[in-house]
C-alpha atoms as a PDB file:
ATOM      1  CA  MET A   1      -9.114   0.274 -11.752  1.00  0.00           C
ATOM      2  CA  GLU A   2      -9.388  -3.081  -8.813  1.00  0.00           C
ATOM      3  CA  MET A   3     -11.141  -3.244  -5.342  1.00  0.00           C
ATOM      4  CA  PRO A   4      -8.299  -2.688  -2.893  1.00  0.00           C
ATOM      5  CA  SER A   5      -5.385  -5.742  -1.623  1.00  0.00           C
ATOM      6  CA  PRO A   6      -3.919  -7.117   1.113  1.00  0.00           C
ATOM      7  CA  VAL A   7      -0.386  -5.761   1.200  1.00  0.00           C
ATOM      8  CA  PHE A   8       1.544  -6.209   4.690  1.00  0.00           C
ATOM      9  CA  THR A   9       0.318  -8.716   7.223  1.00  0.00           C
ATOM     10  CA  PHE A  10       1.232  -8.977  10.724  1.00  0.00           C
ATOM     11  CA  THR A  11       0.473 -11.090  13.827  1.00  0.00           C
ATOM     12  CA  HIS A  12       0.730 -10.152  17.227  1.00  0.00           C
ATOM     13  CA  PRO A  13       2.321 -11.061  19.694  1.00  0.00           C
ATOM     14  CA  ASN A  14       5.533 -12.232  17.492  1.00  0.00           C
ATOM     15  CA  PHE A  15       7.534 -15.029  19.313  1.00  0.00           C
ATOM     16  CA  SER A  16       9.893 -15.322  16.502  1.00  0.00           C
ATOM     17  CA  PRO A  17      13.601 -14.415  18.345  1.00  0.00           C
ATOM     18  CA  GLU A  18      14.700 -12.857  14.930  1.00  0.00           C
ATOM     19  CA  ARG A  19      11.674 -10.217  14.776  1.00  0.00           C
ATOM     20  CA  ASP A  20      12.016  -8.250  11.525  1.00  0.00           C
ATOM     21  CA  ASN A  21       9.003  -5.849   9.948  1.00  0.00           C
ATOM     22  CA  ARG A  22      10.733  -5.284   7.227  1.00  0.00           C
ATOM     23  CA  ARG A  23       8.260  -6.403   4.004  1.00  0.00           C
ATOM     24  CA  TYR A  24       7.690  -6.393   0.517  1.00  0.00           C
ATOM     25  CA  LYS A  25       4.866  -6.821  -2.291  1.00  0.00           C
ATOM     26  CA  LYS A  26       4.880  -6.917  -5.823  1.00  0.00           C
ATOM     27  CA  LEU A  27       1.173  -6.612  -7.136  1.00  0.00           C
ATOM     28  CA  LEU A  28      -0.780  -6.610 -10.041  1.00  0.00           C
ATOM     29  CA  PHE A  29      -3.959  -4.643 -11.001  1.00  0.00           C
ATOM     30  CA  GLU A  30      -6.009  -5.205 -14.206  1.00  0.00           C
ATOM     31  CA  LEU A  31      -7.246  -2.517 -16.383  1.00  0.00           C
ATOM     32  CA  PRO A  32      -9.899  -4.101 -18.036  1.00  0.00           C
ATOM     33  CA  SER A  33     -10.906  -3.659 -21.454  1.00  0.00           C
ATOM     34  CA  ASP A  34     -13.912  -2.220 -21.754  1.00  0.00           C
ATOM     35  CA  THR A  35     -13.275   0.734 -19.578  1.00  0.00           C
ATOM     36  CA  GLY A  36     -11.300   2.543 -21.444  1.00  0.00           C
ATOM     37  CA  SER A  37      -7.251   4.083 -20.428  1.00  0.00           C
ATOM     38  CA  ALA A  38      -6.937   5.507 -17.037  1.00  0.00           C
ATOM     39  CA  LEU A  39      -4.209   7.965 -15.623  1.00  0.00           C
ATOM     40  CA  VAL A  40      -2.869   7.296 -12.497  1.00  0.00           C
ATOM     41  CA  HIS A  41      -1.478   9.773  -9.516  1.00  0.00           C
ATOM     42  CA  GLY A  42      -1.087   6.887  -7.071  1.00  0.00           C
ATOM     43  CA  PHE A  43      -2.353   4.497  -4.977  1.00  0.00           C
ATOM     44  CA  ALA A  44      -4.200   4.640  -1.430  1.00  0.00           C
ATOM     45  CA  GLY A  45      -3.782   2.820   1.591  1.00  0.00           C
ATOM     46  CA  TYR A  46      -6.265   1.262   4.292  1.00  0.00           C
ATOM     47  CA  PHE A  47      -5.695  -0.709   7.299  1.00  0.00           C
ATOM     48  CA  ASP A  48      -7.781  -3.747   8.026  1.00  0.00           C
ATOM     49  CA  ALA A  49      -7.295  -5.508  11.741  1.00  0.00           C
ATOM     50  CA  THR A  50      -8.982  -8.441  13.733  1.00  0.00           C
ATOM     51  CA  LEU A  51      -8.080  -7.634  16.904  1.00  0.00           C
ATOM     52  CA  TYR A  52      -9.786 -10.895  18.623  1.00  0.00           C
ATOM     53  CA  LYS A  53     -11.798 -13.449  17.098  1.00  0.00           C
ATOM     54  CA  ASP A  54     -15.099 -11.093  15.325  1.00  0.00           C
ATOM     55  CA  ILE A  55     -13.461  -8.043  16.636  1.00  0.00           C
ATOM     56  CA  HIS A  56     -12.687  -5.702  13.478  1.00  0.00           C
ATOM     57  CA  LEU A  57     -11.230  -2.300  13.104  1.00  0.00           C
ATOM     58  CA  GLY A  58     -10.249  -1.079  10.210  1.00  0.00           C
ATOM     59  CA  ILE A  59     -10.535   2.062   7.597  1.00  0.00           C
ATOM     60  CA  GLU A  60     -10.753  -0.078   4.070  1.00  0.00           C
ATOM     61  CA  PRO A  61     -14.265   1.128   2.923  1.00  0.00           C
ATOM     62  CA  SER A  62     -16.108  -1.839   2.346  1.00  0.00           C
ATOM     63  CA  THR A  63     -15.401  -2.924   5.294  1.00  0.00           C
ATOM     64  CA  ALA A  64     -14.463  -0.208   7.596  1.00  0.00           C
ATOM     65  CA  THR A  65     -15.576   0.262  11.229  1.00  0.00           C
ATOM     66  CA  PRO A  66     -18.511   3.161  11.473  1.00  0.00           C
ATOM     67  CA  ASN A  67     -17.933   6.315  13.461  1.00  0.00           C
ATOM     68  CA  MET A  68     -13.921   5.790  13.282  1.00  0.00           C
ATOM     69  CA  PHE A  69     -12.451   9.122  13.206  1.00  0.00           C
ATOM     70  CA  SER A  70      -8.766   8.128  14.328  1.00  0.00           C
ATOM     71  CA  TRP A  71      -7.209   6.551  11.811  1.00  0.00           C
ATOM     72  CA  PHE A  72      -7.007   7.810   7.735  1.00  0.00           C
ATOM     73  CA  ALA A  73      -6.229   6.414   4.393  1.00  0.00           C
ATOM     74  CA  ILE A  74      -2.641   7.322   3.231  1.00  0.00           C
ATOM     75  CA  PHE A  75      -2.183   8.716  -0.066  1.00  0.00           C
ATOM     76  CA  PHE A  76       1.300   6.925  -1.962  1.00  0.00           C
ATOM     77  CA  PRO A  77       2.100   9.454  -4.789  1.00  0.00           C
ATOM     78  CA  LEU A  78       3.762   9.002  -8.040  1.00  0.00           C
ATOM     79  CA  ARG A  79       6.199  11.901  -8.982  1.00  0.00           C
ATOM     80  CA  LYS A  80       4.252  11.520 -12.818  1.00  0.00           C
ATOM     81  CA  PRO A  81       0.860   9.946 -13.104  1.00  0.00           C
ATOM     82  CA  VAL A  82       1.188   6.772 -15.434  1.00  0.00           C
ATOM     83  CA  TYR A  83      -1.138   6.161 -18.370  1.00  0.00           C
ATOM     84  CA  ILE A  84      -2.416   3.189 -18.023  1.00  0.00           C
ATOM     85  CA  PRO A  85      -4.434   1.564 -21.775  1.00  0.00           C
ATOM     86  CA  ALA A  86      -6.928  -0.032 -21.730  1.00  0.00           C
ATOM     87  CA  GLY A  87      -6.476  -4.056 -21.346  1.00  0.00           C
ATOM     88  CA  SER A  88      -3.250  -3.820 -19.632  1.00  0.00           C
ATOM     89  CA  ILE A  89      -1.669  -4.727 -16.233  1.00  0.00           C
ATOM     90  CA  LEU A  90      -0.522  -2.181 -13.769  1.00  0.00           C
ATOM     91  CA  GLU A  91       2.998  -3.702 -11.986  1.00  0.00           C
ATOM     92  CA  VAL A  92       3.786  -1.945  -8.620  1.00  0.00           C
ATOM     93  CA  HIS A  93       6.054  -2.811  -5.559  1.00  0.00           C
ATOM     94  CA  PHE A  94       5.817  -1.563  -2.046  1.00  0.00           C
ATOM     95  CA  TRP A  95       8.376  -1.837   0.239  1.00  0.00           C
ATOM     96  CA  ARG A  96       8.134  -0.786   4.360  1.00  0.00           C
ATOM     97  CA  CYS A  97      11.455  -0.090   5.525  1.00  0.00           C
ATOM     98  CA  THR A  98      12.553   0.171   8.901  1.00  0.00           C
ATOM     99  CA  GLY A  99      15.700   2.243  10.878  1.00  0.00           C
ATOM    100  CA  ALA A 100      16.558   2.244  14.567  1.00  0.00           C
ATOM    101  CA  THR A 101      14.508   5.275  14.787  1.00  0.00           C
ATOM    102  CA  LYS A 102      11.776   5.269  12.327  1.00  0.00           C
ATOM    103  CA  VAL A 103       8.994   3.078   9.702  1.00  0.00           C
ATOM    104  CA  TRP A 104       8.839   4.042   6.029  1.00  0.00           C
ATOM    105  CA  TYR A 105       7.642   2.708   2.925  1.00  0.00           C
ATOM    106  CA  GLU A 106       8.922   3.070  -0.856  1.00  0.00           C
ATOM    107  CA  TRP A 107       7.051   2.571  -3.714  1.00  0.00           C
ATOM    108  CA  SER A 108       7.970   2.293  -7.789  1.00  0.00           C
ATOM    109  CA  VAL A 109       5.746   1.338 -10.770  1.00  0.00           C
ATOM    110  CA  THR A 110       7.470  -1.152 -13.270  1.00  0.00           C
ATOM    111  CA  SER A 111       4.471  -1.236 -15.469  1.00  0.00           C
ATOM    112  CA  PRO A 112       3.302  -0.823 -18.250  1.00  0.00           C
ATOM    113  CA  SER A 113       6.498   1.975 -17.955  1.00  0.00           C
ATOM    114  CA  VAL A 114       8.978   2.969 -14.956  1.00  0.00           C
ATOM    115  CA  SER A 115       8.915   4.862 -12.113  1.00  0.00           C
ATOM    116  CA  PRO A 116      11.438   5.579 -10.051  1.00  0.00           C
ATOM    117  CA  ILE A 117      11.715   4.401  -6.291  1.00  0.00           C
ATOM    118  CA  HIS A 118       9.359   7.103  -4.404  1.00  0.00           C
ATOM    119  CA  ASN A 119      10.516   8.023  -0.668  1.00  0.00           C
ATOM    120  CA  CYS A 120      14.315   6.601  -0.763  1.00  0.00           C
ATOM    121  CA  GLY A 121      15.022   6.203   3.047  1.00  0.00           C
ATOM    122  CA  GLY A 122      12.121   7.469   4.083  1.00  0.00           C
ATOM    123  CA  ARG A 123      12.806  11.111   2.814  1.00  0.00           C
ATOM    124  CA  SER A 124       9.704  12.638   2.335  1.00  0.00           C
ATOM    125  CA  TYR A 125       7.557  10.233   4.583  1.00  0.00           C
ATOM    126  CA  TRP A 126       7.962   8.457   7.717  1.00  0.00           C
ATOM    127  CA  VAL A 127       6.583   7.629  11.304  1.00  0.00           C
ATOM    128  CA  GLY A 128       9.104   7.814  14.341  1.00  0.00           C
ATOM    129  CA  LEU A 129       9.730   4.936  16.980  1.00  0.00           C
END
């Protein structure tokens, strides 16, 4: 549908006394009217990092680090595919959630139709701390 959009940003080191790594982002993707409709099954997630000045590391396809095989994209599936009519806007919400022992993501489509929140509480996918 569109090129990848930045979702969550982290700056290190973080000297804030109240460190909170939870994040929220609403994204809007427009399906041009001249491309026809689409059936969306989920979303791809990539990372991109600037380590120092012009030292870059990432897996986003347009700027991917050559020959890097230690990191892989993530897929955020939708329980039921969402039909997007031509010329429509797809609205999706992403949350990065944290607990004492894990980090996980939750996501939900709210337009053109509404999906449930996926992966509540890290039920299906999470990363241990």
